Amino acid sequence: RGRKRMNPLIPLGGLAAALERAPTERVCVLACDLPHASGAVFERLLARAAADDADVCCLAGESGLEPLYGVYHKRCLPAVRAALARGERRMTAFHGGAVRVSVLALDELPAEHRRCAVNLNTPAEYEQERPR
């Protein structure tokens, strides 16, 4: 009786909802706690995704892949749905298999964009990054 609704409060569910409704082939995803995010970085992610014909293209930083700073093609929607059906919640749960993943390392970016993946999870981190 229709499709099961995805929970947009789960990032993977939000990705599924965005891919289902997107008017374009690719969707840009960005976490809300990245104050140094840049449109120029998304331009590079989109270019890399197109050049590699990737289903997913994410930033990779010092702590690993940044799946909430990435570009996703609608082709990965079946794999996202399958991961959700298995009870997965991680944004990388659908990577592998037929899903082609490409990575843009922070050190490939110009120096002025290398802080784009700094995220703020505590009030102290916010205070440290807040413009004065």
N, C-alpha and C. Protein backbone atom coordinates (compact mmCIF):
# COMPACT_ATOMS: atom_id res chain seq x y z
N ARG A 1 0.83 -1.20 0.00
CA ARG A 1 0.00 0.00 0.00
C ARG A 1 0.86 1.24 0.00
N GLY A 2 1.55 1.43 -1.07
CA GLY A 2 2.42 2.60 -1.16
C GLY A 2 3.76 2.32 -0.52
N ARG A 3 4.64 3.24 -0.72
CA ARG A 3 5.99 3.11 -0.17
C ARG A 3 6.02 3.50 1.28
N LYS A 4 6.90 2.83 2.00
CA LYS A 4 7.13 3.19 3.39
C LYS A 4 7.80 4.57 3.43
N ARG A 5 7.30 5.45 4.27
CA ARG A 5 7.88 6.78 4.39
C ARG A 5 9.22 6.70 5.09
N MET A 6 10.19 7.45 4.58
CA MET A 6 11.51 7.50 5.19
C MET A 6 11.51 8.54 6.29
N ASN A 7 12.23 8.26 7.36
CA ASN A 7 12.32 9.20 8.47
C ASN A 7 13.39 10.23 8.15
N PRO A 8 12.99 11.49 7.88
CA PRO A 8 13.98 12.51 7.54
C PRO A 8 14.86 12.91 8.72
N LEU A 9 14.52 12.45 9.94
CA LEU A 9 15.37 12.75 11.08
C LEU A 9 16.60 11.86 11.11
N ILE A 10 16.58 10.78 10.34
CA ILE A 10 17.74 9.93 10.16
C ILE A 10 18.42 10.42 8.89
N PRO A 11 19.70 10.78 8.94
CA PRO A 11 20.33 11.31 7.73
C PRO A 11 20.13 10.44 6.49
N LEU A 12 20.23 9.13 6.63
CA LEU A 12 20.05 8.26 5.48
C LEU A 12 18.61 8.33 4.96
N GLY A 13 17.66 8.46 5.86
CA GLY A 13 16.26 8.65 5.45
C GLY A 13 16.06 9.98 4.76
N GLY A 14 16.75 11.01 5.22
CA GLY A 14 16.70 12.31 4.57
C GLY A 14 17.29 12.26 3.18
N LEU A 15 18.38 11.50 3.02
CA LEU A 15 18.97 11.35 1.70
C LEU A 15 18.00 10.66 0.76
N ALA A 16 17.35 9.60 1.24
CA ALA A 16 16.36 8.90 0.41
C ALA A 16 15.25 9.84 -0.02
N ALA A 17 14.74 10.63 0.92
CA ALA A 17 13.66 11.57 0.61
C ALA A 17 14.12 12.61 -0.41
N ALA A 18 15.34 13.11 -0.26
CA ALA A 18 15.85 14.11 -1.20
C ALA A 18 16.03 13.51 -2.59
N LEU A 19 16.58 12.31 -2.66
CA LEU A 19 16.79 11.68 -3.96
C LEU A 19 15.46 11.36 -4.65
N GLU A 20 14.46 10.97 -3.87
CA GLU A 20 13.15 10.68 -4.44
C GLU A 20 12.51 11.90 -5.07
N ARG A 21 12.74 13.06 -4.49
CA ARG A 21 12.03 14.27 -4.90
C ARG A 21 12.87 15.23 -5.75
N ALA A 22 14.13 14.97 -5.88
CA ALA A 22 15.03 15.90 -6.57
C ALA A 22 14.67 16.03 -8.05
N PRO A 23 14.64 17.26 -8.56
CA PRO A 23 14.37 17.47 -9.98
C PRO A 23 15.62 17.30 -10.84
N THR A 24 16.76 17.06 -10.21
CA THR A 24 18.04 16.90 -10.92
C THR A 24 18.58 15.50 -10.65
N GLU A 25 19.59 15.09 -11.44
CA GLU A 25 20.20 13.77 -11.25
C GLU A 25 21.03 13.69 -9.98
N ARG A 26 21.65 14.79 -9.60
CA ARG A 26 22.52 14.80 -8.43
C ARG A 26 21.97 15.74 -7.36
N VAL A 27 22.21 15.34 -6.11
CA VAL A 27 21.77 16.12 -4.96
C VAL A 27 23.00 16.45 -4.12
N CYS A 28 23.12 17.70 -3.71
CA CYS A 28 24.20 18.11 -2.81
C CYS A 28 23.68 18.00 -1.38
N VAL A 29 24.48 17.39 -0.52
CA VAL A 29 24.11 17.18 0.88
C VAL A 29 25.14 17.87 1.76
N LEU A 30 24.63 18.60 2.74
CA LEU A 30 25.51 19.32 3.65
C LEU A 30 24.93 19.29 5.05
N ALA A 31 25.75 18.92 6.02
CA ALA A 31 25.35 18.96 7.43
C ALA A 31 25.18 20.41 7.87
N CYS A 32 24.37 20.61 8.88
CA CYS A 32 24.08 21.97 9.33
C CYS A 32 25.15 22.53 10.27
N ASP A 33 26.14 21.72 10.64
CA ASP A 33 27.15 22.18 11.60
C ASP A 33 28.51 22.45 10.96
N LEU A 34 28.49 22.84 9.69
CA LEU A 34 29.72 23.12 8.95
C LEU A 34 29.76 24.60 8.54
N PRO A 35 30.24 25.47 9.42
CA PRO A 35 30.17 26.90 9.17
C PRO A 35 31.07 27.41 8.05
N HIS A 36 32.04 26.61 7.62
CA HIS A 36 32.97 27.04 6.58
C HIS A 36 32.66 26.39 5.22
N ALA A 37 31.44 25.86 5.09
CA ALA A 37 31.04 25.23 3.83
C ALA A 37 31.16 26.23 2.69
N SER A 38 31.41 25.69 1.51
CA SER A 38 31.66 26.57 0.37
C SER A 38 31.02 26.03 -0.90
N GLY A 39 30.42 26.92 -1.65
CA GLY A 39 29.89 26.56 -2.96
C GLY A 39 31.00 26.11 -3.89
N ALA A 40 32.18 26.68 -3.75
CA ALA A 40 33.31 26.29 -4.59
C ALA A 40 33.70 24.83 -4.35
N VAL A 41 33.57 24.37 -3.12
CA VAL A 41 33.87 22.97 -2.82
C VAL A 41 32.83 22.07 -3.47
N PHE A 42 31.57 22.49 -3.43
CA PHE A 42 30.54 21.69 -4.10
C PHE A 42 30.76 21.66 -5.61
N GLU A 43 31.24 22.74 -6.18
CA GLU A 43 31.56 22.73 -7.60
C GLU A 43 32.62 21.69 -7.90
N ARG A 44 33.62 21.57 -7.04
CA ARG A 44 34.67 20.56 -7.22
C ARG A 44 34.12 19.15 -7.02
N LEU A 45 33.25 18.99 -6.03
CA LEU A 45 32.63 17.67 -5.81
C LEU A 45 31.79 17.26 -7.02
N LEU A 46 31.01 18.19 -7.54
CA LEU A 46 30.19 17.89 -8.72
C LEU A 46 31.06 17.56 -9.93
N ALA A 47 32.14 18.29 -10.11
CA ALA A 47 33.05 18.02 -11.24
C ALA A 47 33.69 16.65 -11.09
N ARG A 48 34.13 16.30 -9.88
CA ARG A 48 34.75 14.99 -9.65
C ARG A 48 33.73 13.88 -9.87
N ALA A 49 32.51 14.08 -9.37
CA ALA A 49 31.47 13.07 -9.55
C ALA A 49 31.18 12.83 -11.03
N ALA A 50 31.11 13.91 -11.79
CA ALA A 50 30.86 13.78 -13.23
C ALA A 50 32.04 13.12 -13.94
N ALA A 51 33.25 13.53 -13.61
CA ALA A 51 34.45 12.97 -14.26
C ALA A 51 34.60 11.48 -13.97
N ASP A 52 34.26 11.07 -12.76
CA ASP A 52 34.39 9.67 -12.35
C ASP A 52 33.12 8.86 -12.60
N ASP A 53 32.06 9.54 -13.08
CA ASP A 53 30.74 8.91 -13.21
C ASP A 53 30.35 8.21 -11.91
N ALA A 54 30.58 8.92 -10.81
CA ALA A 54 30.35 8.37 -9.47
C ALA A 54 28.90 8.55 -9.04
N ASP A 55 28.43 7.59 -8.25
CA ASP A 55 27.11 7.70 -7.64
C ASP A 55 27.18 8.56 -6.39
N VAL A 56 28.33 8.55 -5.74
CA VAL A 56 28.58 9.32 -4.52
C VAL A 56 29.95 9.96 -4.67
N CYS A 57 30.04 11.24 -4.29
CA CYS A 57 31.34 11.91 -4.22
C CYS A 57 31.33 12.74 -2.94
N CYS A 58 32.21 12.36 -2.01
CA CYS A 58 32.27 13.03 -0.70
C CYS A 58 33.66 13.56 -0.42
N LEU A 59 33.71 14.49 0.49
CA LEU A 59 34.99 14.96 1.00
C LEU A 59 35.59 13.89 1.90
N ALA A 60 36.88 13.85 1.95
CA ALA A 60 37.60 13.00 2.90
C ALA A 60 38.58 13.89 3.65
N GLY A 61 38.44 13.88 4.96
CA GLY A 61 39.31 14.70 5.79
C GLY A 61 40.19 13.86 6.69
N GLU A 62 40.76 14.51 7.68
CA GLU A 62 41.66 13.84 8.61
C GLU A 62 40.97 12.69 9.34
N SER A 63 39.69 12.83 9.61
CA SER A 63 38.97 11.79 10.36
C SER A 63 38.22 10.83 9.44
N GLY A 64 38.47 10.89 8.15
CA GLY A 64 37.84 9.96 7.23
C GLY A 64 36.83 10.63 6.32
N LEU A 65 35.94 9.82 5.78
CA LEU A 65 34.93 10.30 4.84
C LEU A 65 33.94 11.23 5.52
N GLU A 66 33.54 12.28 4.82
CA GLU A 66 32.54 13.23 5.31
C GLU A 66 31.28 13.07 4.46
N PRO A 67 30.45 12.06 4.74
CA PRO A 67 29.29 11.79 3.89
C PRO A 67 28.22 12.88 3.92
N LEU A 68 28.27 13.76 4.91
CA LEU A 68 27.31 14.86 4.96
C LEU A 68 27.89 16.12 4.33
N TYR A 69 28.89 15.94 3.52
CA TYR A 69 29.43 17.00 2.65
C TYR A 69 29.71 16.29 1.34
N GLY A 70 28.65 16.06 0.58
CA GLY A 70 28.83 15.25 -0.61
C GLY A 70 27.76 15.46 -1.66
N VAL A 71 27.95 14.75 -2.74
CA VAL A 71 27.06 14.80 -3.90
C VAL A 71 26.60 13.37 -4.17
N TYR A 72 25.29 13.19 -4.35
CA TYR A 72 24.70 11.87 -4.53
C TYR A 72 23.87 11.84 -5.80
N HIS A 73 24.05 10.80 -6.60
CA HIS A 73 23.30 10.62 -7.84
C HIS A 73 22.05 9.80 -7.52
N LYS A 74 20.98 10.06 -8.27
CA LYS A 74 19.74 9.31 -8.07
C LYS A 74 19.92 7.81 -8.25
N ARG A 75 20.95 7.40 -8.99
CA ARG A 75 21.19 5.96 -9.19
C ARG A 75 21.43 5.22 -7.89
N CYS A 76 21.85 5.90 -6.84
CA CYS A 76 22.13 5.20 -5.59
C CYS A 76 20.88 5.02 -4.73
N LEU A 77 19.74 5.54 -5.17
CA LEU A 77 18.52 5.44 -4.37
C LEU A 77 18.14 4.00 -4.05
N PRO A 78 18.17 3.04 -4.98
CA PRO A 78 17.83 1.67 -4.59
C PRO A 78 18.74 1.11 -3.48
N ALA A 79 20.03 1.42 -3.54
CA ALA A 79 20.95 0.95 -2.50
C ALA A 79 20.67 1.63 -1.17
N VAL A 80 20.30 2.91 -1.20
CA VAL A 80 19.93 3.63 0.02
C VAL A 80 18.68 3.00 0.62
N ARG A 81 17.68 2.75 -0.20
CA ARG A 81 16.45 2.11 0.30
C ARG A 81 16.73 0.74 0.89
N ALA A 82 17.58 -0.04 0.24
CA ALA A 82 17.91 -1.37 0.74
C ALA A 82 18.61 -1.28 2.11
N ALA A 83 19.51 -0.32 2.26
CA ALA A 83 20.19 -0.14 3.55
C ALA A 83 19.18 0.24 4.64
N LEU A 84 18.27 1.12 4.32
CA LEU A 84 17.24 1.50 5.29
C LEU A 84 16.36 0.30 5.65
N ALA A 85 16.02 -0.50 4.66
CA ALA A 85 15.19 -1.69 4.92
C ALA A 85 15.90 -2.67 5.85
N ARG A 86 17.23 -2.69 5.81
CA ARG A 86 18.02 -3.54 6.71
C ARG A 86 18.16 -2.93 8.10
N GLY A 87 17.62 -1.72 8.28
CA GLY A 87 17.73 -1.04 9.57
C GLY A 87 18.98 -0.20 9.72
N GLU A 88 19.70 -0.02 8.64
CA GLU A 88 20.92 0.79 8.69
C GLU A 88 20.57 2.27 8.84
N ARG A 89 21.46 3.00 9.48
CA ARG A 89 21.26 4.44 9.64
C ARG A 89 22.46 5.25 9.18
N ARG A 90 23.62 4.60 9.09
CA ARG A 90 24.84 5.32 8.70
C ARG A 90 24.76 5.77 7.25
N MET A 91 25.26 6.95 6.97
CA MET A 91 25.23 7.49 5.61
C MET A 91 26.11 6.70 4.65
N THR A 92 26.99 5.90 5.14
CA THR A 92 27.86 5.10 4.27
C THR A 92 27.40 3.65 4.18
N ALA A 93 26.27 3.32 4.78
CA ALA A 93 25.80 1.94 4.84
C ALA A 93 25.52 1.34 3.47
N PHE A 94 25.27 2.15 2.48
CA PHE A 94 24.93 1.66 1.14
C PHE A 94 26.12 1.68 0.19
N HIS A 95 27.27 2.15 0.65
CA HIS A 95 28.47 2.19 -0.20
C HIS A 95 28.93 0.78 -0.50
N GLY A 96 29.56 0.60 -1.64
CA GLY A 96 30.05 -0.70 -2.03
C GLY A 96 29.11 -1.35 -3.03
N GLY A 97 29.43 -2.53 -3.43
CA GLY A 97 28.62 -3.22 -4.42
C GLY A 97 28.60 -2.43 -5.72
N ALA A 98 27.43 -2.18 -6.24
CA ALA A 98 27.29 -1.47 -7.51
C ALA A 98 27.41 0.05 -7.37
N VAL A 99 27.42 0.55 -6.14
CA VAL A 99 27.50 1.99 -5.91
C VAL A 99 28.95 2.44 -6.07
N ARG A 100 29.15 3.36 -7.01
CA ARG A 100 30.49 3.89 -7.27
C ARG A 100 30.73 5.13 -6.41
N VAL A 101 31.75 5.05 -5.58
CA VAL A 101 32.08 6.14 -4.65
C VAL A 101 33.40 6.78 -5.07
N SER A 102 33.39 8.09 -5.15
CA SER A 102 34.59 8.86 -5.43
C SER A 102 34.84 9.78 -4.24
N VAL A 103 36.09 10.13 -4.04
CA VAL A 103 36.48 10.92 -2.88
C VAL A 103 37.27 12.13 -3.34
N LEU A 104 37.01 13.26 -2.69
CA LEU A 104 37.80 14.47 -2.88
C LEU A 104 38.47 14.76 -1.55
N ALA A 105 39.77 14.63 -1.50
CA ALA A 105 40.51 14.85 -0.26
C ALA A 105 40.65 16.34 0.01
N LEU A 106 40.59 16.69 1.28
CA LEU A 106 40.73 18.10 1.66
C LEU A 106 42.04 18.69 1.14
N ASP A 107 43.09 17.90 1.11
CA ASP A 107 44.38 18.45 0.65
C ASP A 107 44.42 18.69 -0.85
N GLU A 108 43.37 18.30 -1.57
CA GLU A 108 43.26 18.62 -2.99
C GLU A 108 42.64 20.01 -3.21
N LEU A 109 42.11 20.57 -2.15
CA LEU A 109 41.45 21.88 -2.24
C LEU A 109 42.45 23.00 -2.05
N PRO A 110 42.13 24.17 -2.60
CA PRO A 110 42.97 25.35 -2.31
C PRO A 110 42.98 25.61 -0.80
N ALA A 111 44.04 26.18 -0.32
CA ALA A 111 44.21 26.41 1.12
C ALA A 111 43.02 27.12 1.75
N GLU A 112 42.43 28.07 1.03
CA GLU A 112 41.32 28.84 1.62
C GLU A 112 40.05 28.02 1.84
N HIS A 113 40.00 26.80 1.30
CA HIS A 113 38.81 25.96 1.47
C HIS A 113 39.06 24.73 2.33
N ARG A 114 40.23 24.58 2.86
CA ARG A 114 40.55 23.35 3.59
C ARG A 114 39.89 23.25 4.95
N ARG A 115 39.33 24.32 5.45
CA ARG A 115 38.60 24.26 6.73
C ARG A 115 37.10 24.03 6.52
N CYS A 116 36.72 23.76 5.30
CA CYS A 116 35.30 23.62 4.97
C CYS A 116 34.62 22.47 5.71
N ALA A 117 35.36 21.46 6.16
CA ALA A 117 34.76 20.30 6.83
C ALA A 117 34.84 20.39 8.35
N VAL A 118 35.28 21.53 8.88
CA VAL A 118 35.29 21.71 10.33
C VAL A 118 33.84 21.76 10.80
N ASN A 119 33.49 20.84 11.71
CA ASN A 119 32.13 20.87 12.22
C ASN A 119 32.11 21.28 13.69
N LEU A 120 31.00 21.83 14.08
CA LEU A 120 30.84 22.36 15.44
C LEU A 120 29.80 21.52 16.18
N ASN A 121 30.26 20.81 17.19
CA ASN A 121 29.36 19.92 17.93
C ASN A 121 29.11 20.35 19.37
N THR A 122 29.83 21.33 19.85
CA THR A 122 29.67 21.78 21.23
C THR A 122 29.63 23.30 21.27
N PRO A 123 29.08 23.85 22.34
CA PRO A 123 29.12 25.32 22.49
C PRO A 123 30.54 25.87 22.49
N ALA A 124 31.48 25.13 23.06
CA ALA A 124 32.87 25.59 23.09
C ALA A 124 33.44 25.67 21.67
N GLU A 125 33.13 24.68 20.83
CA GLU A 125 33.61 24.71 19.44
C GLU A 125 32.97 25.88 18.69
N TYR A 126 31.72 26.14 18.98
CA TYR A 126 31.05 27.29 18.36
C TYR A 126 31.74 28.59 18.76
N GLU A 127 31.99 28.75 20.03
CA GLU A 127 32.63 29.96 20.52
C GLU A 127 34.01 30.16 19.90
N GLN A 128 34.73 29.08 19.73
CA GLN A 128 36.07 29.14 19.14
C GLN A 128 36.02 29.60 17.67
N GLU A 129 35.01 29.18 16.95
CA GLU A 129 34.90 29.49 15.52
C GLU A 129 34.11 30.76 15.22
N ARG A 130 33.38 31.24 16.20
CA ARG A 130 32.49 32.39 15.96
C ARG A 130 33.28 33.62 15.56
N PRO A 131 32.83 34.29 14.49
CA PRO A 131 33.51 35.52 14.08
C PRO A 131 33.41 36.57 15.19
N ARG A 132 34.43 37.29 15.35
CA ARG A 132 34.46 38.34 16.42
C ARG A 132 34.20 39.69 15.81
